[in-house]
C-alpha atoms as a PDB file:
ATOM      1  CA  VAL A   1      -0.109   0.018   0.020  1.00  0.00           C
ATOM      2  CA  SER A   2       2.838   2.322   0.833  1.00  0.00           C
ATOM      3  CA  GLN A   3       4.477   1.800  -2.562  1.00  0.00           C
ATOM      4  CA  VAL A   4       1.207   2.447  -4.380  1.00  0.00           C
ATOM      5  CA  GLU A   5       0.739   5.595  -2.295  1.00  0.00           C
ATOM      6  CA  GLU A   6       4.169   6.740  -3.148  1.00  0.00           C
ATOM      7  CA  VAL A   7       3.654   6.144  -6.996  1.00  0.00           C
ATOM      8  CA  GLN A   8       0.412   7.951  -6.631  1.00  0.00           C
ATOM      9  CA  SER A   9       2.037  10.873  -5.050  1.00  0.00           C
ATOM     10  CA  GLN A  10       4.915  11.017  -7.650  1.00  0.00           C
ATOM     11  CA  LEU A  11       2.329  10.825 -10.469  1.00  0.00           C
ATOM     12  CA  GLY A  12       0.336  13.704  -9.022  1.00  0.00           C
ATOM     13  CA  LYS A  13       3.526  15.809  -8.791  1.00  0.00           C
ATOM     14  CA  THR A  14       4.442  14.945 -12.437  1.00  0.00           C
ATOM     15  CA  ILE A  15       0.924  15.863 -13.657  1.00  0.00           C
ATOM     16  CA  ARG A  16       0.876  19.250 -11.805  1.00  0.00           C
ATOM     17  CA  PHE A  17       4.476  20.075 -13.162  1.00  0.00           C
ATOM     18  CA  HIS A  18       3.427  19.385 -16.722  1.00  0.00           C
ATOM     19  CA  ASP A  19       0.221  21.288 -16.278  1.00  0.00           C
ATOM     20  CA  SER A  20       2.037  24.173 -14.792  1.00  0.00           C
ATOM     21  CA  SER A  21       4.629  24.159 -17.555  1.00  0.00           C
ATOM     22  CA  LYS A  22       1.994  24.101 -20.093  1.00  0.00           C
ATOM     23  CA  ALA A  23       0.210  27.038 -18.425  1.00  0.00           C
ATOM     24  CA  ASN A  24       3.328  29.035 -18.238  1.00  0.00           C
ATOM     25  CA  GLU A  25       4.082  28.468 -22.015  1.00  0.00           C
ATOM     26  CA  SER A  26       0.637  29.558 -22.974  1.00  0.00           C
ATOM     27  CA  LEU A  27       0.899  32.740 -20.706  1.00  0.00           C
ATOM     28  CA  LYS A  28       4.283  33.309 -22.380  1.00  0.00           C
ATOM     29  CA  LYS A  29       2.745  33.109 -25.957  1.00  0.00           C
ATOM     30  CA  TRP A  30      -0.150  35.273 -24.704  1.00  0.00           C
ATOM     31  CA  LYS A  31       2.202  38.117 -23.556  1.00  0.00           C
ATOM     32  CA  THR A  32       4.280  37.910 -26.789  1.00  0.00           C
ATOM     33  CA  LYS A  33       1.007  38.134 -28.873  1.00  0.00           C
ATOM     34  CA  LEU A  34      -0.139  41.173 -26.766  1.00  0.00           C
ATOM     35  CA  LYS A  35       3.267  42.785 -27.069  1.00  0.00           C
ATOM     36  CA  ILE A  36       3.286  42.540 -30.837  1.00  0.00           C
ATOM     37  CA  SER A  37      -0.265  43.537 -31.334  1.00  0.00           C
ATOM     38  CA  SER A  38       0.030  46.537 -29.218  1.00  0.00           C
ATOM     39  CA  TYR A  39       2.707  48.189 -31.673  1.00  0.00           C
ATOM     40  CA  ALA A  40       0.590  47.386 -34.774  1.00  0.00           C
ATOM     41  CA  ASP A  41      -3.043  47.967 -33.687  1.00  0.00           C
ATOM     42  CA  ARG A  42      -4.203  48.933 -30.114  1.00  0.00           C
ATOM     43  CA  LYS A  43      -7.958  48.577 -31.261  1.00  0.00           C
ATOM     44  CA  ALA A  44      -7.162  44.895 -32.464  1.00  0.00           C
ATOM     45  CA  VAL A  45      -5.781  44.223 -28.879  1.00  0.00           C
ATOM     46  CA  HIS A  46      -8.854  45.393 -27.322  1.00  0.00           C
ATOM     47  CA  ARG A  47     -11.215  43.378 -29.620  1.00  0.00           C
ATOM     48  CA  TRP A  48      -8.856  40.330 -29.086  1.00  0.00           C
ATOM     49  CA  LEU A  49      -8.943  40.741 -25.316  1.00  0.00           C
ATOM     50  CA  ARG A  50     -12.838  40.774 -25.400  1.00  0.00           C
ATOM     51  CA  GLY A  51     -12.846  37.749 -27.649  1.00  0.00           C
ATOM     52  CA  GLY A  52     -14.050  39.560 -30.812  1.00  0.00           C
ATOM     53  CA  CYS A  53     -11.041  38.972 -32.903  1.00  0.00           C
ATOM     54  CA  ALA A  54     -11.305  35.676 -34.944  1.00  0.00           C
ATOM     55  CA  THR A  55      -8.686  34.125 -37.086  1.00  0.00           C
ATOM     56  CA  ASN A  56      -7.983  35.248 -40.692  1.00  0.00           C
ATOM     57  CA  PRO A  57     -10.935  34.346 -42.756  1.00  0.00           C
ATOM     58  CA  LYS A  58     -10.471  31.432 -45.248  1.00  0.00           C
ATOM     59  CA  PHE A  59     -11.915  31.263 -48.685  1.00  0.00           C
ATOM     60  CA  MET A  60     -12.625  28.192 -50.786  1.00  0.00           C
ATOM     61  CA  LYS A  61     -13.020  27.731 -54.399  1.00  0.00           C
ATOM     62  CA  HIS A  62     -16.769  27.111 -55.102  1.00  0.00           C
ATOM     63  CA  GLN A  63     -18.607  26.769 -58.540  1.00  0.00           C
ATOM     64  CA  GLY A  64     -15.938  28.796 -60.480  1.00  0.00           C
ATOM     65  CA  GLY A  65     -15.895  31.457 -57.617  1.00  0.00           C
ATOM     66  CA  LEU A  66     -14.913  31.863 -53.978  1.00  0.00           C
ATOM     67  CA  THR A  67     -16.876  31.410 -50.752  1.00  0.00           C
ATOM     68  CA  SER A  68     -16.203  32.202 -47.137  1.00  0.00           C
ATOM     69  CA  LYS A  69     -19.331  30.661 -45.621  1.00  0.00           C
ATOM     70  CA  ILE A  70     -18.496  27.786 -43.446  1.00  0.00           C
ATOM     71  CA  SER A  71     -21.640  25.774 -44.263  1.00  0.00           C
ATOM     72  CA  VAL A  72     -20.938  26.143 -47.969  1.00  0.00           C
ATOM     73  CA  MET A  73     -17.264  25.154 -47.578  1.00  0.00           C
ATOM     74  CA  LEU A  74     -18.295  22.125 -45.426  1.00  0.00           C
ATOM     75  CA  GLN A  75     -20.783  20.959 -47.981  1.00  0.00           C
ATOM     76  CA  THR A  76     -18.320  21.496 -50.901  1.00  0.00           C
ATOM     77  CA  VAL A  77     -15.702  19.302 -49.154  1.00  0.00           C
ATOM     78  CA  SER A  78     -18.390  16.777 -48.345  1.00  0.00           C
ATOM     79  CA  ASP A  79     -19.546  16.655 -51.980  1.00  0.00           C
ATOM     80  CA  ARG A  80     -15.991  16.287 -53.224  1.00  0.00           C
ATOM     81  CA  MET A  81     -15.210  13.402 -51.022  1.00  0.00           C
ATOM     82  CA  GLN A  82     -18.502  11.747 -51.699  1.00  0.00           C
ATOM     83  CA  THR A  83     -17.436  11.487 -55.138  1.00  0.00           C
ATOM     84  CA  ILE A  84     -14.322   9.694 -54.160  1.00  0.00           C
ATOM     85  CA  TYR A  85     -16.024   7.248 -51.481  1.00  0.00           C
ATOM     86  CA  SER A  86     -18.829   6.449 -53.869  1.00  0.00           C
ATOM     87  CA  THR A  87     -16.472   5.550 -56.744  1.00  0.00           C
ATOM     88  CA  HIS A  88     -17.294   1.762 -56.400  1.00  0.00           C
ATOM     89  CA  LYS A  89     -21.047   2.174 -55.474  1.00  0.00           C
ATOM     90  CA  ASP A  90     -22.292   0.301 -58.378  1.00  0.00           C
ATOM     91  CA  VAL A  91     -19.670  -2.476 -58.069  1.00  0.00           C
ATOM     92  CA  ASP A  92     -20.241  -5.985 -56.395  1.00  0.00           C
ATOM     93  CA  PRO A  93     -17.265  -6.636 -54.125  1.00  0.00           C
ATOM     94  CA  GLN A  94     -17.800 -10.343 -54.462  1.00  0.00           C
ATOM     95  CA  ASP A  95     -17.676 -10.267 -58.296  1.00  0.00           C
ATOM     96  CA  MET A  96     -14.350  -8.341 -57.959  1.00  0.00           C
ATOM     97  CA  VAL A  97     -12.990 -10.966 -55.624  1.00  0.00           C
ATOM     98  CA  GLN A  98     -14.165 -13.924 -58.021  1.00  0.00           C
ATOM     99  CA  ASN A  99     -12.681 -12.044 -60.926  1.00  0.00           C
ATOM    100  CA  PHE A 100      -9.383 -11.543 -59.229  1.00  0.00           C
ATOM    101  CA  MET A 101      -9.146 -15.097 -57.880  1.00  0.00           C
ATOM    102  CA  GLY A 102     -10.010 -16.373 -61.393  1.00  0.00           C
ATOM    103  CA  LYS A 103      -6.938 -14.557 -62.758  1.00  0.00           C
ATOM    104  CA  TYR A 104      -4.489 -14.994 -59.824  1.00  0.00           C
ATOM    105  CA  GLY A 105      -5.946 -17.772 -57.819  1.00  0.00           C
ATOM    106  CA  ASP A 106      -3.087 -20.100 -58.397  1.00  0.00           C
ATOM    107  CA  VAL A 107      -0.504 -17.378 -57.310  1.00  0.00           C
ATOM    108  CA  VAL A 108      -2.835 -16.686 -54.188  1.00  0.00           C
ATOM    109  CA  ARG A 109      -2.942 -20.351 -53.192  1.00  0.00           C
ATOM    110  CA  ASP A 110       0.807 -20.686 -53.534  1.00  0.00           C
ATOM    111  CA  MET A 111       1.313 -17.811 -51.268  1.00  0.00           C
ATOM    112  CA  CYS A 112      -1.111 -18.989 -48.575  1.00  0.00           C
ATOM    113  CA  THR A 113       0.557 -19.221 -45.318  1.00  0.00           C
ATOM    114  CA  ASP A 114      -1.075 -20.311 -41.923  1.00  0.00           C
ATOM    115  CA  CYS A 115      -1.126 -17.481 -39.324  1.00  0.00           C
ATOM    116  CA  SER A 116      -1.631 -18.076 -35.847  1.00  0.00           C
ATOM    117  CA  LEU A 117      -2.552 -15.246 -33.398  1.00  0.00           C
ATOM    118  CA  PRO A 118      -2.235 -15.026 -29.575  1.00  0.00           C
ATOM    119  CA  ILE A 119      -5.357 -14.702 -27.419  1.00  0.00           C
ATOM    120  CA  LEU A 120      -6.058 -10.941 -26.759  1.00  0.00           C
ATOM    121  CA  THR A 121      -5.106  -9.946 -23.082  1.00  0.00           C
ATOM    122  CA  GLU A 122      -5.554  -6.854 -21.129  1.00  0.00           C
ATOM    123  CA  ASP A 123      -1.632  -6.642 -21.008  1.00  0.00           C
ATOM    124  CA  HIS A 124      -1.604  -6.281 -24.875  1.00  0.00           C
ATOM    125  CA  PHE A 125      -3.832  -3.193 -24.443  1.00  0.00           C
ATOM    126  CA  PHE A 126      -1.765  -1.716 -21.654  1.00  0.00           C
ATOM    127  CA  ASP A 127       1.479  -2.130 -23.337  1.00  0.00           C
ATOM    128  CA  MET A 128       0.309  -0.726 -26.550  1.00  0.00           C
ATOM    129  CA  ARG A 129      -1.110   2.245 -24.849  1.00  0.00           C
ATOM    130  CA  GLN A 130       2.059   3.225 -23.161  1.00  0.00           C
ATOM    131  CA  ARG A 131       3.601   3.259 -26.642  1.00  0.00           C
ATOM    132  CA  LYS A 132       1.182   5.858 -27.958  1.00  0.00           C
ATOM    133  CA  PRO A 133       1.779   9.580 -27.343  1.00  0.00           C
ATOM    134  CA  SER A 134      -0.518  11.158 -24.889  1.00  0.00           C
ATOM    135  CA  THR A 135      -1.288  13.926 -27.401  1.00  0.00           C
ATOM    136  CA  LYS A 136      -2.828  11.384 -29.929  1.00  0.00           C
ATOM    137  CA  ALA A 137      -6.189  12.558 -31.030  1.00  0.00           C
ATOM    138  CA  GLY A 138      -9.158  10.691 -29.590  1.00  0.00           C
ATOM    139  CA  GLY A 139     -12.253   9.633 -31.354  1.00  0.00           C
ATOM    140  CA  LEU A 140     -15.889  10.109 -30.789  1.00  0.00           C
ATOM    141  CA  ASP A 141     -16.018   7.615 -28.015  1.00  0.00           C
ATOM    142  CA  LEU A 142     -14.524  10.329 -25.855  1.00  0.00           C
ATOM    143  CA  TRP A 143     -11.749   8.372 -24.402  1.00  0.00           C
ATOM    144  CA  LYS A 144      -8.710  10.546 -24.145  1.00  0.00           C
ATOM    145  CA  TYR A 145      -5.244   8.854 -24.397  1.00  0.00           C
ATOM    146  CA  LYS A 146      -3.879  10.943 -21.485  1.00  0.00           C
ATOM    147  CA  GLU A 147      -6.706   9.408 -19.474  1.00  0.00           C
ATOM    148  CA  LEU A 148      -6.187   5.776 -20.667  1.00  0.00           C
ATOM    149  CA  GLN A 149      -2.584   6.117 -19.890  1.00  0.00           C
ATOM    150  CA  GLN A 150      -3.318   6.039 -16.152  1.00  0.00           C
ATOM    151  CA  LEU A 151      -5.166   2.702 -16.460  1.00  0.00           C
ATOM    152  CA  PRO A 152      -3.576  -0.375 -14.809  1.00  0.00           C
ATOM    153  CA  PRO A 153      -3.723  -3.712 -16.879  1.00  0.00           C
ATOM    154  CA  SER A 154      -6.955  -4.803 -15.127  1.00  0.00           C
ATOM    155  CA  GLY A 155      -8.619  -1.603 -16.307  1.00  0.00           C
ATOM    156  CA  TRP A 156      -8.185  -2.867 -19.923  1.00  0.00           C
ATOM    157  CA  ILE A 157     -10.366  -5.928 -19.376  1.00  0.00           C
ATOM    158  CA  PRO A 158     -13.601  -4.275 -20.639  1.00  0.00           C
ATOM    159  CA  PHE A 159     -11.789  -3.039 -23.735  1.00  0.00           C
ATOM    160  CA  LYS A 160     -10.291  -6.388 -24.333  1.00  0.00           C
ATOM    161  CA  LEU A 161     -13.754  -7.940 -24.125  1.00  0.00           C
ATOM    162  CA  VAL A 162     -15.298  -5.492 -26.664  1.00  0.00           C
ATOM    163  CA  ALA A 163     -12.455  -6.419 -29.210  1.00  0.00           C
ATOM    164  CA  MET A 164     -12.862 -10.154 -28.497  1.00  0.00           C
ATOM    165  CA  LEU A 165     -16.574  -9.777 -29.191  1.00  0.00           C
ATOM    166  CA  ALA A 166     -15.800  -7.966 -32.519  1.00  0.00           C
ATOM    167  CA  GLU A 167     -13.321 -10.894 -33.553  1.00  0.00           C
ATOM    168  CA  THR A 168     -15.957 -13.355 -32.758  1.00  0.00           C
ATOM    169  CA  THR A 169     -19.011 -11.708 -34.149  1.00  0.00           C
ATOM    170  CA  GLY A 170     -17.830  -8.904 -36.346  1.00  0.00           C
ATOM    171  CA  THR A 171     -19.888  -6.330 -34.335  1.00  0.00           C
ATOM    172  CA  TRP A 172     -18.536  -3.160 -32.633  1.00  0.00           C
ATOM    173  CA  PRO A 173     -20.553  -0.839 -30.519  1.00  0.00           C
ATOM    174  CA  LYS A 174     -21.956   2.031 -32.333  1.00  0.00           C
ATOM    175  CA  ALA A 175     -19.775   4.568 -30.318  1.00  0.00           C
ATOM    176  CA  ILE A 176     -16.770   2.820 -31.606  1.00  0.00           C
ATOM    177  CA  ARG A 177     -17.989   2.737 -35.153  1.00  0.00           C
ATOM    178  CA  CYS A 178     -18.465   6.559 -35.176  1.00  0.00           C
ATOM    179  CA  ILE A 179     -15.556   8.257 -37.025  1.00  0.00           C
ATOM    180  CA  SER A 180     -14.841  12.031 -36.883  1.00  0.00           C
ATOM    181  CA  VAL A 181     -13.286  13.326 -40.066  1.00  0.00           C
ATOM    182  CA  THR A 182     -10.840  16.271 -39.911  1.00  0.00           C
ATOM    183  CA  THR A 183     -10.003  18.064 -43.037  1.00  0.00           C
ATOM    184  CA  ILE A 184      -6.521  19.389 -43.444  1.00  0.00           C
ATOM    185  CA  PRO A 185      -5.197  21.469 -46.425  1.00  0.00           C
ATOM    186  CA  LYS A 186      -2.275  20.046 -48.308  1.00  0.00           C
ATOM    187  CA  ASN A 187      -0.771  23.501 -48.904  1.00  0.00           C
ATOM    188  CA  ASN A 188      -0.562  26.936 -47.138  1.00  0.00           C
ATOM    189  CA  SER A 189      -2.635  28.843 -49.760  1.00  0.00           C
ATOM    190  CA  PRO A 190      -5.173  31.246 -48.354  1.00  0.00           C
ATOM    191  CA  ILE A 191      -7.609  29.887 -51.019  1.00  0.00           C
ATOM    192  CA  LEU A 192      -8.738  26.408 -50.007  1.00  0.00           C
ATOM    193  CA  ASP A 193      -8.973  23.967 -52.884  1.00  0.00           C
ATOM    194  CA  PRO A 194     -11.456  20.977 -52.357  1.00  0.00           C
ATOM    195  CA  ASP A 195      -9.060  18.831 -54.361  1.00  0.00           C
ATOM    196  CA  LEU A 196      -6.290  19.697 -52.250  1.00  0.00           C
ATOM    197  CA  ILE A 197      -7.728  18.676 -48.922  1.00  0.00           C
ATOM    198  CA  ARG A 198      -6.799  15.615 -47.037  1.00  0.00           C
ATOM    199  CA  ALA A 199      -9.731  14.109 -45.201  1.00  0.00           C
ATOM    200  CA  ILE A 200      -8.433  12.216 -42.104  1.00  0.00           C
ATOM    201  CA  GLY A 201     -10.634   9.851 -40.123  1.00  0.00           C
ATOM    202  CA  VAL A 202     -10.038   9.636 -36.424  1.00  0.00           C
ATOM    203  CA  SER A 203     -11.258   6.389 -34.962  1.00  0.00           C
ATOM    204  CA  SER A 204     -11.895   5.436 -31.393  1.00  0.00           C
ATOM    205  CA  ALA A 205      -9.287   4.588 -28.980  1.00  0.00           C
ATOM    206  CA  ILE A 206     -10.398   1.041 -28.665  1.00  0.00           C
ATOM    207  CA  TYR A 207     -10.269   0.287 -32.458  1.00  0.00           C
ATOM    208  CA  SER A 208      -6.999   2.218 -32.917  1.00  0.00           C
ATOM    209  CA  LEU A 209      -5.325   0.263 -30.173  1.00  0.00           C
ATOM    210  CA  TRP A 210      -6.727  -3.030 -31.061  1.00  0.00           C
ATOM    211  CA  SER A 211      -5.639  -2.590 -34.904  1.00  0.00           C
ATOM    212  CA  SER A 212      -2.083  -1.742 -33.631  1.00  0.00           C
ATOM    213  CA  ILE A 213      -1.997  -4.737 -31.473  1.00  0.00           C
ATOM    214  CA  ARG A 214      -3.097  -7.050 -34.179  1.00  0.00           C
ATOM    215  CA  TYR A 215      -0.902  -5.480 -36.767  1.00  0.00           C
ATOM    216  CA  GLN A 216       2.003  -6.203 -34.476  1.00  0.00           C
ATOM    217  CA  HIS A 217       0.731  -9.795 -34.146  1.00  0.00           C
ATOM    218  CA  LEU A 218       0.572 -10.053 -37.857  1.00  0.00           C
ATOM    219  CA  THR A 219       4.091  -8.632 -38.717  1.00  0.00           C
ATOM    220  CA  THR A 220       5.948 -12.101 -39.112  1.00  0.00           C
ATOM    221  CA  TRP A 221       3.107 -13.457 -41.154  1.00  0.00           C
ATOM    222  CA  MET A 222       3.039 -10.373 -43.503  1.00  0.00           C
ATOM    223  CA  ASN A 223       6.810 -10.578 -44.040  1.00  0.00           C
ATOM    224  CA  GLN A 224       6.346 -14.343 -44.882  1.00  0.00           C
ATOM    225  CA  ILE A 225       3.752 -13.933 -47.473  1.00  0.00           C
ATOM    226  CA  SER A 226       5.002 -10.665 -49.204  1.00  0.00           C
ATOM    227  CA  PRO A 227       7.365 -11.212 -52.199  1.00  0.00           C
ATOM    228  CA  GLN A 228      10.762  -9.669 -51.835  1.00  0.00           C
ATOM    229  CA  GLY A 229       9.773  -7.209 -54.793  1.00  0.00           C
ATOM    230  CA  ILE A 230       7.176  -5.644 -52.431  1.00  0.00           C
ATOM    231  CA  LEU A 231       8.998  -2.943 -50.694  1.00  0.00           C
ATOM    232  CA  GLY A 232       6.234  -0.516 -49.391  1.00  0.00           C
ATOM    233  CA  GLY A 233       3.463  -1.185 -46.880  1.00  0.00           C
ATOM    234  CA  VAL A 234       5.321  -4.180 -45.303  1.00  0.00           C
ATOM    235  CA  PRO A 235       7.007  -3.962 -41.834  1.00  0.00           C
ATOM    236  CA  GLY A 236      10.753  -3.413 -41.925  1.00  0.00           C
ATOM    237  CA  ARG A 237      10.715  -2.647 -45.636  1.00  0.00           C
ATOM    238  CA  SER A 238      11.241   0.697 -47.544  1.00  0.00           C
ATOM    239  CA  SER A 239      10.784   1.649 -51.040  1.00  0.00           C
ATOM    240  CA  ASP A 240      13.420   4.453 -50.947  1.00  0.00           C
ATOM    241  CA  GLU A 241      16.143   2.118 -52.166  1.00  0.00           C
ATOM    242  CA  SER A 242      14.221   0.937 -55.201  1.00  0.00           C
ATOM    243  CA  GLU A 243      13.278   4.583 -56.111  1.00  0.00           C
ATOM    244  CA  LEU A 244      17.025   5.489 -55.901  1.00  0.00           C
ATOM    245  CA  ALA A 245      18.047   2.616 -58.128  1.00  0.00           C
ATOM    246  CA  PHE A 246      15.559   3.436 -60.566  1.00  0.00           C
ATOM    247  CA  SER A 247      16.695   7.133 -60.790  1.00  0.00           C
ATOM    248  CA  GLU A 248      20.293   5.806 -61.134  1.00  0.00           C
ATOM    249  CA  ALA A 249      19.111   3.754 -64.030  1.00  0.00           C
ATOM    250  CA  LEU A 250      17.724   6.820 -65.735  1.00  0.00           C
ATOM    251  CA  HIS A 251      20.679   9.145 -65.118  1.00  0.00           C
ATOM    252  CA  ASP A 252      24.351   9.169 -66.240  1.00  0.00           C
ATOM    253  CA  GLU A 253      26.680   8.553 -63.327  1.00  0.00           C
ATOM    254  CA  THR A 254      28.165  11.989 -63.418  1.00  0.00           C
ATOM    255  CA  GLU A 255      24.670  13.550 -63.101  1.00  0.00           C
ATOM    256  CA  ASP A 256      23.057  14.482 -59.874  1.00  0.00           C
ATOM    257  CA  LYS A 257      20.828  11.730 -58.475  1.00  0.00           C
ATOM    258  CA  VAL A 258      17.139  12.513 -58.483  1.00  0.00           C
ATOM    259  CA  ALA A 259      14.537  10.263 -56.985  1.00  0.00           C
ATOM    260  CA  ILE A 260      10.973   9.949 -58.220  1.00  0.00           C
ATOM    261  CA  PHE A 261       8.138   9.379 -55.845  1.00  0.00           C
ATOM    262  CA  ILE A 262       4.546   8.648 -57.437  1.00  0.00           C
ATOM    263  CA  ASP A 263       1.704   9.520 -55.279  1.00  0.00           C
ATOM    264  CA  ARG A 264      -1.594   7.832 -56.170  1.00  0.00           C
ATOM    265  CA  VAL A 265      -4.600  10.027 -56.087  1.00  0.00           C
ATOM    266  CA  LYS A 266      -6.638   9.175 -53.032  1.00  0.00           C
ATOM    267  CA  CYS A 267      -5.069   5.655 -53.063  1.00  0.00           C
ATOM    268  CA  PHE A 268      -6.317   4.350 -49.754  1.00  0.00           C
ATOM    269  CA  ASP A 269      -9.787   5.864 -50.111  1.00  0.00           C
ATOM    270  CA  MET A 270     -10.138   3.950 -53.310  1.00  0.00           C
ATOM    271  CA  VAL A 271      -9.418   0.542 -51.672  1.00  0.00           C
ATOM    272  CA  ILE A 272     -12.562  -1.546 -51.046  1.00  0.00           C
ATOM    273  CA  PRO A 273     -12.074  -3.231 -47.638  1.00  0.00           C
ATOM    274  CA  GLU A 274     -14.432  -6.247 -48.580  1.00  0.00           C
ATOM    275  CA  VAL A 275     -12.134  -7.065 -51.482  1.00  0.00           C
ATOM    276  CA  SER A 276      -8.748  -6.570 -49.951  1.00  0.00           C
ATOM    277  CA  LEU A 277      -9.799  -8.488 -46.824  1.00  0.00           C
ATOM    278  CA  ASN A 278     -11.187 -11.423 -48.924  1.00  0.00           C
ATOM    279  CA  ILE A 279      -7.890 -11.570 -50.890  1.00  0.00           C
ATOM    280  CA  ALA A 280      -5.935 -11.443 -47.617  1.00  0.00           C
ATOM    281  CA  ALA A 281      -8.028 -14.097 -46.022  1.00  0.00           C
ATOM    282  CA  ALA A 282      -7.075 -16.346 -49.154  1.00  0.00           C
ATOM    283  CA  VAL A 283      -3.516 -15.853 -48.167  1.00  0.00           C
ATOM    284  CA  GLY A 284      -3.974 -16.923 -44.608  1.00  0.00           C
ATOM    285  CA  LEU A 285      -5.325 -13.810 -42.829  1.00  0.00           C
ATOM    286  CA  PRO A 286      -7.153 -15.363 -39.683  1.00  0.00           C
ATOM    287  CA  ALA A 287     -11.004 -15.195 -39.890  1.00  0.00           C
ATOM    288  CA  THR A 288     -11.172 -13.283 -36.525  1.00  0.00           C
ATOM    289  CA  ILE A 289      -9.333 -10.300 -38.133  1.00  0.00           C
ATOM    290  CA  THR A 290     -11.447 -10.522 -41.384  1.00  0.00           C
ATOM    291  CA  ARG A 291     -14.720 -10.442 -39.390  1.00  0.00           C
ATOM    292  CA  ALA A 292     -13.603  -7.546 -37.062  1.00  0.00           C
ATOM    293  CA  VAL A 293     -12.296  -5.304 -39.683  1.00  0.00           C
ATOM    294  CA  THR A 294     -15.164  -5.977 -42.231  1.00  0.00           C
ATOM    295  CA  GLY A 295     -17.704  -5.306 -39.377  1.00  0.00           C
ATOM    296  CA  PHE A 296     -15.957  -2.142 -38.638  1.00  0.00           C
ATOM    297  CA  TYR A 297     -15.906  -0.678 -42.198  1.00  0.00           C
ATOM    298  CA  THR A 298     -19.271  -1.796 -43.406  1.00  0.00           C
ATOM    299  CA  GLN A 299     -21.068  -0.431 -40.276  1.00  0.00           C
ATOM    300  CA  GLN A 300     -19.168   2.864 -40.046  1.00  0.00           C
ATOM    301  CA  VAL A 301     -21.080   5.966 -39.146  1.00  0.00           C
END
């Protein structure tokens, strides 16, 4: 008991120290902004202190012109992303899988390798949480990573049970299936372009941690089934060397070396989970993972 109380005391001191440091840093930035603004525009300082000074207005391209209305901007981005996410709306995923297997079935069967996974434990979640930064964005389940970091291994039992239920039945609670989407401009232009906005979905802490845990468990299997020619997207492999080798093949030895990196437009947004997961299952992905991930993607909100 005395050791627990000592740890609790030290933890409290550490949290208070970090909170105090953060407050001092914020105060320092506030003073700096106040000092700079007072030289430029004292009226702006007055409006800012009263909370009446907003950030610089943003404009977005819209129907050949510009708009600064937030509602119109949101709808414009939504419409743009909808065209991407609905690209395959008229396609039957099972037909795609059958066509793929009809063409590459022999290769897939030759690659098939059994994969065994350990049973999920609360320690898996505890250890993975300790690896994540406390500042990592949380999802709509409202669990904050800074709060979750304080849980002991036994505190992760309910989270583990939710993940085990998903692996068994393919069903996640609705709160975990809700995804918040943050749109981030790809450049610093004051004019926002719907085509140059990256939409990032922030999932719940439980799903994020579970996927990280199982990804780690699948690392050995992924390296076993992946041909040596596949350099990207596989743990421990990088495409940098192949890109540099390709560049050397194009240039004379006396010339400066230039690497060419190709960025596929909305690459991951175009992937159909049902198709990729079915093919992954054909090469040995355990059914528990297929069920859980398929359930998560097909029931998203």
